[in-house]
Amino acid sequence: MAGAETSARRKKTQQMQKDAKKAAAAAFIEKVIITNNKGKANKRGRRPNRTVNIASGIVNLKYYESILQDNVVIELSYADTSGTVDNKSALDGLPIERECNVQVKIKDNHGTILDFSNNRKNAFKVENTTPILDDPTKTGVIIQLITTEAVKNNYSGVETRGDGKISDQVKRILKDKEYLNSKKKLHIDETANNMNYCFAKKRPFFVINKISRDAVPQGADGNSGSKLGKSAGFIFYETYKGYYFKGIDTLFGQTPKIKVI
């Protein structure tokens, strides 16, 4: 009996080690397709888009999302060989520059797929490129990607008076064409309190984080779930599934997924 239990524990340990090893292995990068910003017109007066899939040349890709971060970010290292585009590297031939559209699709070892291929909804934009190696045959490049909303955030400002529920104001900033014009799914907890704000051309993400401090979650009865003035506020963040505006009191009030002593 003891031998059988020992064997079972050994098999369980071995399986856990295999799962851990699998989780630590590299994910599969299906595509990273970069579309150039429209350049010079051709003989017909058209400005054609050109694309290049650099997935096969990627040395390292890091995907970041956090409850302390307004938008998801990708940083990738790419070995760019000459002759990729018009006998030039993709960096110079496409060229790869700020705000180029980027479609990304990756799959981890648990079968989870992150598909950022929808140009209208969730594709990335190039934030900047940093050459790290340059010789006659290849170029090493670090490319940072940010969301379309993050790009719009850099160019727009909230210059209006906001009245009513804070949660409604957050929705408006995210969806309004004048601001972020996001097509992503919103996961926004309703707030119980109304606030009035005036902002002088502040960036949308700044405004959302600013008013989140004063937000109070709404209870099941439609009233305040926390005492006014004693709420921990809200947090704003993005994941692959969309944008979240969640009450901190609500998050801590959830049933724990796991407890660690």
Protein backbone atom coordinates (compact mmCIF):
# COMPACT_ATOMS: atom_id res chain seq x y z
CA MET A 1 0.00 0.00 0.00
CA ALA A 2 2.80 2.38 0.95
CA GLY A 3 4.62 1.50 -2.27
CA ALA A 4 1.56 2.36 -4.35
CA GLU A 5 1.20 5.74 -2.63
CA THR A 6 4.89 6.49 -3.16
CA SER A 7 4.57 5.59 -6.85
CA ALA A 8 1.51 7.82 -7.23
CA ARG A 9 3.31 10.76 -5.59
CA ARG A 10 6.32 10.19 -7.83
CA LYS A 11 4.16 10.21 -10.96
CA LYS A 12 2.38 13.36 -9.80
CA THR A 13 5.73 15.08 -9.17
CA GLN A 14 7.03 14.03 -12.56
CA GLN A 15 3.90 15.35 -14.26
CA MET A 16 4.21 18.67 -12.40
CA GLN A 17 7.82 18.95 -13.53
CA LYS A 18 6.81 18.26 -17.13
CA ASP A 19 4.05 20.88 -16.96
CA ALA A 20 6.46 23.44 -15.46
CA LYS A 21 9.03 22.73 -18.16
CA LYS A 22 6.40 23.06 -20.86
CA ALA A 23 5.14 26.36 -19.45
CA ALA A 24 8.67 27.75 -19.39
CA ALA A 25 9.33 26.85 -23.03
CA ALA A 26 9.10 29.44 -25.79
CA ALA A 27 5.68 30.26 -27.26
CA PHE A 28 4.94 29.98 -30.98
CA ILE A 29 4.90 33.25 -32.95
CA GLU A 30 2.52 32.70 -35.85
CA LYS A 31 2.78 36.13 -37.40
CA VAL A 32 4.03 39.65 -36.94
CA ILE A 33 2.90 41.50 -40.06
CA ILE A 34 3.98 45.12 -40.41
CA THR A 35 2.23 47.44 -42.86
CA ASN A 36 4.04 50.55 -44.00
CA ASN A 37 2.66 54.04 -43.65
CA LYS A 38 1.44 55.10 -47.09
CA GLY A 39 4.38 56.55 -48.99
CA LYS A 40 4.94 58.11 -52.40
CA ALA A 41 2.24 57.86 -55.03
CA ASN A 42 2.86 55.57 -58.02
CA LYS A 43 2.24 56.43 -61.68
CA ARG A 44 -1.50 55.95 -61.21
CA GLY A 45 -1.57 58.30 -58.25
CA ARG A 46 -2.19 55.50 -55.76
CA ARG A 47 -0.38 55.05 -52.48
CA PRO A 48 -0.19 51.26 -52.09
CA ASN A 49 0.35 49.60 -48.73
CA ARG A 50 3.20 47.11 -48.45
CA THR A 51 3.54 44.44 -45.77
CA VAL A 52 6.22 42.14 -44.43
CA ASN A 53 5.91 39.25 -41.98
CA ILE A 54 8.96 39.32 -39.70
CA ALA A 55 7.91 36.36 -37.50
CA SER A 56 10.72 34.09 -38.75
CA GLY A 57 13.37 36.67 -37.82
CA ILE A 58 12.18 37.36 -34.26
CA VAL A 59 14.74 36.45 -31.62
CA ASN A 60 12.70 37.49 -28.58
CA LEU A 61 9.14 38.73 -28.04
CA LYS A 62 7.79 40.01 -24.74
CA TYR A 63 4.12 40.75 -24.14
CA TYR A 64 3.19 42.91 -21.16
CA GLU A 65 -0.14 43.45 -19.45
CA SER A 66 -0.67 44.59 -15.87
CA ILE A 67 -3.37 46.02 -13.63
CA LEU A 68 -0.96 48.92 -13.10
CA GLN A 69 -0.64 49.66 -16.82
CA ASP A 70 -3.05 51.64 -19.01
CA ASN A 71 -2.38 49.64 -22.17
CA VAL A 72 -0.77 46.39 -23.28
CA VAL A 73 2.71 46.56 -24.80
CA ILE A 74 4.89 44.30 -26.93
CA GLU A 75 8.66 44.54 -27.22
CA LEU A 76 10.42 42.37 -29.77
CA SER A 77 13.98 41.84 -30.94
CA TYR A 78 14.34 41.16 -34.64
CA ALA A 79 17.25 40.02 -36.83
CA ASP A 80 16.65 42.02 -40.01
CA THR A 81 18.52 40.60 -43.03
CA SER A 82 19.28 42.61 -46.15
CA GLY A 83 17.12 41.86 -49.19
CA THR A 84 13.85 41.55 -47.27
CA VAL A 85 12.21 44.48 -49.11
CA ASP A 86 13.57 45.87 -52.39
CA ASN A 87 17.04 44.47 -51.66
CA LYS A 88 17.04 46.34 -48.37
CA SER A 89 16.32 45.40 -44.79
CA ALA A 90 12.68 45.67 -43.71
CA LEU A 91 13.67 48.54 -41.43
CA ASP A 92 14.86 50.63 -44.38
CA GLY A 93 12.96 49.10 -47.29
CA LEU A 94 9.39 49.07 -45.94
CA PRO A 95 10.29 51.23 -43.96
CA ILE A 96 9.45 50.34 -40.34
CA GLU A 97 8.70 53.63 -38.60
CA ARG A 98 6.45 55.18 -35.97
CA GLU A 99 2.75 54.29 -36.24
CA CYS A 100 3.17 51.51 -38.79
CA ASN A 101 0.31 49.05 -38.31
CA VAL A 102 1.33 45.67 -36.82
CA GLN A 103 -0.73 42.47 -36.68
CA VAL A 104 0.45 39.94 -34.09
CA LYS A 105 -0.65 36.39 -33.36
CA ILE A 106 1.05 34.21 -30.75
CA LYS A 107 0.23 30.92 -29.01
CA ASP A 108 1.64 29.78 -25.67
CA ASN A 109 2.31 26.24 -24.51
CA HIS A 110 -1.06 25.94 -22.79
CA GLY A 111 -2.86 26.54 -26.07
CA THR A 112 -3.82 30.13 -25.24
CA ILE A 113 -3.93 32.26 -28.38
CA LEU A 114 -3.44 36.02 -28.40
CA ASP A 115 -4.64 37.28 -31.76
CA PHE A 116 -4.11 40.97 -32.48
CA SER A 117 -4.92 40.71 -36.20
CA ASN A 118 -7.97 42.96 -36.39
CA ASN A 119 -6.76 46.22 -37.93
CA ARG A 120 -9.94 48.02 -36.93
CA LYS A 121 -10.11 46.69 -33.38
CA ASN A 122 -6.88 45.52 -31.74
CA ALA A 123 -3.81 45.69 -34.01
CA PHE A 124 -0.70 47.40 -32.64
CA LYS A 125 1.26 50.44 -33.78
CA VAL A 126 5.02 50.90 -33.84
CA GLU A 127 6.09 53.21 -31.02
CA ASN A 128 9.81 53.27 -31.81
CA THR A 129 12.66 51.25 -33.30
CA THR A 130 16.17 50.94 -31.89
CA PRO A 131 18.95 49.43 -34.06
CA ILE A 132 21.34 47.37 -31.91
CA LEU A 133 23.48 45.72 -34.60
CA ASP A 134 24.44 46.95 -38.04
CA ASP A 135 26.64 45.16 -40.57
CA PRO A 136 26.49 44.62 -44.36
CA THR A 137 24.37 41.44 -44.10
CA LYS A 138 21.98 41.97 -41.19
CA THR A 139 20.61 44.46 -38.71
CA GLY A 140 19.45 43.81 -35.16
CA VAL A 141 16.43 45.89 -34.17
CA ILE A 142 14.34 46.30 -31.02
CA ILE A 143 10.77 47.30 -31.88
CA GLN A 144 8.30 48.56 -29.29
CA LEU A 145 4.59 48.23 -30.06
CA ILE A 146 1.70 50.02 -28.39
CA THR A 147 -2.05 50.01 -28.93
CA THR A 148 -3.96 52.34 -31.26
CA GLU A 149 -5.59 53.90 -28.20
CA ALA A 150 -2.17 54.64 -26.70
CA VAL A 151 -1.21 56.47 -29.89
CA LYS A 152 -4.44 58.49 -29.82
CA ASN A 153 -3.85 59.22 -26.15
CA ASN A 154 -0.61 60.96 -27.09
CA TYR A 155 -2.37 63.28 -29.55
CA SER A 156 -5.71 64.04 -27.94
CA GLY A 157 -6.81 65.93 -24.86
CA VAL A 158 -9.96 66.03 -22.77
CA GLU A 159 -11.05 69.65 -22.77
CA THR A 160 -14.60 69.55 -21.50
CA ARG A 161 -16.70 69.49 -18.38
CA GLY A 162 -17.62 66.01 -17.16
CA ASP A 163 -20.89 65.56 -15.28
CA GLY A 164 -22.67 62.50 -13.94
CA LYS A 165 -21.51 59.04 -12.96
CA ILE A 166 -17.77 58.51 -13.11
CA SER A 167 -18.24 55.16 -14.85
CA ASP A 168 -20.24 56.87 -17.62
CA GLN A 169 -17.49 59.45 -18.07
CA VAL A 170 -14.90 56.69 -18.42
CA LYS A 171 -17.02 54.97 -21.09
CA ARG A 172 -17.37 58.22 -23.01
CA ILE A 173 -13.64 58.93 -22.99
CA LEU A 174 -12.87 55.41 -24.22
CA LYS A 175 -15.54 55.33 -26.95
CA ASP A 176 -15.83 58.94 -28.14
CA LYS A 177 -14.30 59.57 -31.58
CA GLU A 178 -12.88 62.82 -30.26
CA TYR A 179 -10.77 60.95 -27.71
CA LEU A 180 -9.73 57.25 -27.86
CA ASN A 181 -12.45 55.88 -30.19
CA SER A 182 -11.81 52.35 -28.89
CA LYS A 183 -13.56 49.37 -30.49
CA LYS A 184 -12.49 46.99 -27.72
CA LYS A 185 -14.76 45.40 -25.15
CA LEU A 186 -15.23 47.38 -21.95
CA HIS A 187 -15.45 45.78 -18.50
CA ILE A 188 -16.57 48.72 -16.38
CA ASP A 189 -18.03 48.50 -12.88
CA GLU A 190 -20.83 50.98 -12.29
CA THR A 191 -20.04 53.74 -9.84
CA ALA A 192 -22.49 55.01 -7.24
CA ASN A 193 -21.36 58.61 -7.02
CA ASN A 194 -21.69 61.55 -9.40
CA MET A 195 -18.80 63.97 -9.83
CA ASN A 196 -18.22 67.11 -11.88
CA TYR A 197 -14.83 67.73 -13.47
CA CYS A 198 -13.22 70.30 -15.70
CA PHE A 199 -10.00 69.38 -17.52
CA ALA A 200 -7.76 71.67 -19.52
CA LYS A 201 -6.58 69.50 -22.41
CA LYS A 202 -5.36 66.60 -20.27
CA ARG A 203 -4.61 63.27 -21.94
CA PRO A 204 -7.46 60.71 -21.77
CA PHE A 205 -5.55 58.07 -19.78
CA PHE A 206 -4.50 60.74 -17.27
CA VAL A 207 -8.11 61.87 -16.85
CA ILE A 208 -9.40 58.32 -16.31
CA ASN A 209 -6.75 57.59 -13.68
CA LYS A 210 -7.40 60.94 -12.03
CA ILE A 211 -11.15 60.46 -11.60
CA SER A 212 -10.72 56.78 -10.63
CA ARG A 213 -9.47 57.91 -7.20
CA ASP A 214 -12.85 59.43 -6.38
CA ALA A 215 -14.98 56.56 -7.72
CA VAL A 216 -17.12 54.52 -5.33
CA PRO A 217 -18.44 51.09 -6.42
CA GLN A 218 -22.15 50.57 -6.71
CA GLY A 219 -23.69 47.90 -4.48
CA ALA A 220 -26.11 45.19 -5.53
CA ASP A 221 -29.03 47.37 -4.41
CA GLY A 222 -27.94 50.19 -6.71
CA ASN A 223 -26.58 52.23 -3.83
CA SER A 224 -23.01 52.79 -2.78
CA GLY A 225 -21.16 49.55 -2.08
CA SER A 226 -18.71 51.51 0.09
CA LYS A 227 -19.10 54.56 2.26
CA LEU A 228 -18.51 57.80 0.41
CA GLY A 229 -15.07 59.11 1.24
CA LYS A 230 -13.92 55.69 2.45
CA SER A 231 -13.60 53.85 -0.85
CA ALA A 232 -10.20 52.67 -2.06
CA GLY A 233 -11.09 53.96 -5.51
CA PHE A 234 -10.89 52.22 -8.88
CA ILE A 235 -8.09 50.96 -11.10
CA PHE A 236 -7.93 51.22 -14.87
CA TYR A 237 -6.02 48.75 -17.02
CA GLU A 238 -6.05 46.75 -20.26
CA THR A 239 -5.69 43.04 -21.03
CA TYR A 240 -6.13 41.01 -24.20
CA LYS A 241 -9.86 40.89 -23.40
CA GLY A 242 -10.31 44.68 -23.38
CA TYR A 243 -10.31 47.63 -20.98
CA TYR A 244 -11.16 47.30 -17.29
CA PHE A 245 -12.35 49.90 -14.81
CA LYS A 246 -12.74 48.00 -11.54
CA GLY A 247 -13.37 48.98 -7.94
CA ILE A 248 -10.49 48.00 -5.66
CA ASP A 249 -12.96 47.18 -2.87
CA THR A 250 -14.84 44.92 -5.30
CA LEU A 251 -11.67 43.12 -6.41
CA PHE A 252 -10.63 42.41 -2.83
CA GLY A 253 -14.14 41.27 -1.99
CA GLN A 254 -14.05 38.44 -4.52
CA THR A 255 -13.76 34.78 -3.57
CA PRO A 256 -10.02 33.91 -3.64
CA LYS A 257 -8.82 31.74 -6.52
CA ILE A 258 -5.98 30.39 -4.41
CA LYS A 259 -4.61 31.03 -0.92
CA VAL A 260 -0.87 30.94 -0.23
CA ILE A 261 0.46 30.86 3.31
